[in-house]
Amino acid sequence: MNLITRSPYCASRKSGRSFPFFPPIFIKKVPASVCLSRGAIFTRQDIKIAVIGLTTDDTAKIGNPEYFTDIEFRKPAEEAKVVIQELNMNEKPDVIIATTHMGHYDNGDHGSNAPGDVEMARSLPAGSLAMIVGGHSQDPVCMASENKKTGELRTGNALRAG
């Protein structure tokens, strides 16, 4: 699963890190190959956990094109299906978690943005992912009912018992 190419951009994302790095799935254009690891496998308390990274395909149009000359961004939901299938065939994890930078849009209403976590979850077969840990939207999300945020998530002292 660790297919790292010689792309300067890809190499710079991986270098100097002493912790697990869950990059989005970047595809190097020529030759076509996965730019960074498609994920990582951990075993905790006899549970085999796979973690994959995904990003919005809007990155290609909102990011600095100077860094993406040799990178292809594919639809994350389609790539997730491929990676999940590969993981289930080769690694056989008990749990698969996606870390994303795609955005959470209530009920999938993403407007002019690329589809986010809700749309990806809906496009995958039921049970494909145990959890999606998402970012990008800049808004904390607490779910009271399916796909509808409620309240406000607070960190720090607000969570401490009084």
Protein backbone atom coordinates (compact mmCIF):
# COMPACT_ATOMS: atom_id res chain seq x y z
CA MET A 1 0.00 0.00 0.00
CA ASN A 2 2.94 2.41 0.34
CA LEU A 3 3.51 3.51 -3.23
CA ILE A 4 5.56 6.71 -3.11
CA THR A 5 6.68 8.31 -6.35
CA ARG A 6 9.46 10.78 -7.01
CA SER A 7 7.10 13.75 -7.28
CA PRO A 8 8.63 16.67 -5.33
CA TYR A 9 5.21 17.68 -4.02
CA CYS A 10 4.39 14.16 -2.84
CA ALA A 11 7.79 13.70 -1.25
CA SER A 12 7.50 17.02 0.61
CA ARG A 13 4.20 15.93 2.18
CA LYS A 14 5.81 12.84 3.70
CA SER A 15 9.26 14.07 4.76
CA GLY A 16 10.12 15.09 8.30
CA ARG A 17 7.11 13.47 9.96
CA SER A 18 7.45 11.18 12.95
CA PHE A 19 3.74 10.40 13.16
CA PRO A 20 1.29 8.53 10.93
CA PHE A 21 0.32 10.66 7.95
CA PHE A 22 -3.01 10.01 6.23
CA PRO A 23 -2.73 11.89 2.99
CA PRO A 24 -5.49 12.23 0.47
CA ILE A 25 -5.25 9.86 -2.45
CA PHE A 26 -3.14 11.69 -5.01
CA ILE A 27 -2.49 10.02 -8.35
CA LYS A 28 0.70 10.81 -10.23
CA LYS A 29 -0.19 11.36 -13.90
CA VAL A 30 2.82 9.81 -15.66
CA PRO A 31 3.44 7.05 -14.92
CA ALA A 32 0.06 6.57 -13.29
CA SER A 33 0.68 5.55 -9.71
CA VAL A 34 -0.48 6.36 -6.20
CA CYS A 35 1.59 9.25 -4.93
CA LEU A 36 1.54 8.54 -1.20
CA SER A 37 0.30 5.74 1.00
CA ARG A 38 -3.37 4.95 0.49
CA GLY A 39 -3.68 4.57 4.24
CA ALA A 40 -2.37 2.80 7.28
CA ILE A 41 -3.20 -0.30 9.27
CA PHE A 42 -3.16 -0.36 13.07
CA THR A 43 -3.95 -3.14 15.50
CA ARG A 44 -5.34 -2.03 18.85
CA GLN A 45 -6.73 -4.51 21.38
CA ASP A 46 -6.84 -7.21 18.69
CA ILE A 47 -8.89 -4.99 16.36
CA LYS A 48 -7.39 -4.41 12.93
CA ILE A 49 -8.10 -0.79 11.94
CA ALA A 50 -7.53 0.68 8.48
CA VAL A 51 -7.38 4.47 8.08
CA ILE A 52 -7.58 6.12 4.65
CA GLY A 53 -7.22 9.79 3.70
CA LEU A 54 -9.39 11.64 1.17
CA THR A 55 -9.59 15.25 -0.01
CA THR A 56 -11.98 17.29 -2.09
CA ASP A 57 -11.42 17.15 -5.82
CA ASP A 58 -11.86 20.95 -5.71
CA THR A 59 -8.20 21.04 -4.62
CA ALA A 60 -7.19 20.95 -8.27
CA LYS A 61 -9.02 24.22 -8.98
CA ILE A 62 -8.55 26.10 -5.69
CA GLY A 63 -4.98 25.04 -4.90
CA ASN A 64 -1.79 26.44 -6.41
CA PRO A 65 -1.49 24.74 -9.83
CA GLU A 66 2.30 25.04 -9.59
CA TYR A 67 2.26 22.15 -7.12
CA PHE A 68 -0.11 19.93 -9.08
CA THR A 69 1.47 19.71 -12.53
CA ASP A 70 2.04 15.98 -12.12
CA ILE A 71 -0.90 15.20 -9.83
CA GLU A 72 -4.39 14.06 -10.80
CA PHE A 73 -7.28 14.50 -8.38
CA ARG A 74 -10.01 11.91 -8.74
CA LYS A 75 -13.48 11.87 -7.26
CA PRO A 76 -12.96 10.83 -3.62
CA ALA A 77 -16.08 8.66 -3.44
CA GLU A 78 -14.93 6.63 -6.46
CA GLU A 79 -11.39 6.26 -5.09
CA ALA A 80 -12.77 5.32 -1.66
CA LYS A 81 -14.68 2.42 -3.24
CA VAL A 82 -11.48 1.14 -4.88
CA VAL A 83 -9.36 1.49 -1.75
CA ILE A 84 -12.00 -0.09 0.50
CA GLN A 85 -12.27 -3.04 -1.87
CA GLU A 86 -8.46 -3.43 -1.93
CA LEU A 87 -8.30 -3.23 1.86
CA ASN A 88 -11.03 -5.83 2.31
CA MET A 89 -9.36 -8.20 -0.17
CA ASN A 90 -5.75 -7.78 0.96
CA GLU A 91 -5.69 -6.53 4.56
CA LYS A 92 -9.06 -7.73 5.88
CA PRO A 93 -9.49 -4.99 8.52
CA ASP A 94 -12.17 -5.18 11.19
CA VAL A 95 -12.82 -1.44 10.86
CA ILE A 96 -12.18 1.14 8.13
CA ILE A 97 -12.07 4.85 9.02
CA ALA A 98 -11.81 7.71 6.53
CA THR A 99 -10.06 10.94 7.49
CA THR A 100 -11.23 13.59 5.05
CA HIS A 101 -10.78 17.17 3.99
CA MET A 102 -13.96 17.30 1.91
CA GLY A 103 -16.49 19.19 3.98
CA HIS A 104 -19.74 18.36 5.71
CA TYR A 105 -22.79 19.90 4.12
CA ASP A 106 -26.17 19.45 5.82
CA ASN A 107 -28.16 16.85 3.93
CA GLY A 108 -25.52 16.88 1.20
CA ASP A 109 -26.37 20.41 0.03
CA HIS A 110 -22.89 21.41 -1.10
CA GLY A 111 -23.81 24.30 -3.41
CA SER A 112 -20.93 25.24 -5.71
CA ASN A 113 -18.45 23.12 -3.72
CA ALA A 114 -17.46 19.61 -4.67
CA PRO A 115 -19.51 16.89 -2.93
CA GLY A 116 -18.45 16.28 0.66
CA ASP A 117 -18.60 13.62 3.36
CA VAL A 118 -22.39 13.17 3.32
CA GLU A 119 -22.49 12.51 -0.42
CA MET A 120 -19.54 10.14 -0.19
CA ALA A 121 -21.14 8.18 2.65
CA ARG A 122 -24.37 7.88 0.67
CA SER A 123 -22.54 6.65 -2.42
CA LEU A 124 -20.75 3.80 -0.63
CA PRO A 125 -22.29 0.43 0.16
CA ALA A 126 -23.75 0.37 3.68
CA GLY A 127 -21.12 -0.53 6.26
CA SER A 128 -18.14 0.31 4.03
CA LEU A 129 -16.80 2.83 6.54
CA ALA A 130 -17.15 2.64 10.31
CA MET A 131 -16.56 6.37 10.66
CA ILE A 132 -15.72 9.50 8.69
CA VAL A 133 -13.57 12.01 10.55
CA GLY A 134 -14.01 15.09 8.43
CA GLY A 135 -12.61 18.56 8.11
CA HIS A 136 -12.65 21.41 5.61
CA SER A 137 -16.02 22.94 6.48
CA GLN A 138 -14.59 24.98 9.38
CA ASP A 139 -17.83 24.39 11.29
CA PRO A 140 -18.04 21.91 14.17
CA VAL A 141 -20.91 19.51 13.64
CA CYS A 142 -22.97 17.71 16.28
CA MET A 143 -25.62 15.45 14.80
CA ALA A 144 -28.98 15.15 16.58
CA SER A 145 -30.63 13.51 13.61
CA GLU A 146 -29.32 12.09 10.38
CA ASN A 147 -27.38 14.72 8.39
CA LYS A 148 -28.72 17.70 10.39
CA LYS A 149 -26.36 19.59 12.67
CA THR A 150 -27.54 20.87 16.00
CA GLY A 151 -26.07 22.93 18.77
CA GLU A 152 -22.45 23.84 18.92
CA LEU A 153 -19.45 21.69 19.70
CA ARG A 154 -17.18 23.34 22.26
CA THR A 155 -13.77 22.31 23.44
CA GLY A 156 -11.72 23.16 26.49
CA ASN A 157 -13.31 24.34 29.73
CA ALA A 158 -16.84 24.09 28.34
CA LEU A 159 -16.53 20.29 28.45
CA ARG A 160 -15.18 20.04 31.98
CA ALA A 161 -17.54 19.05 34.75
CA GLY A 162 -18.20 21.96 37.02
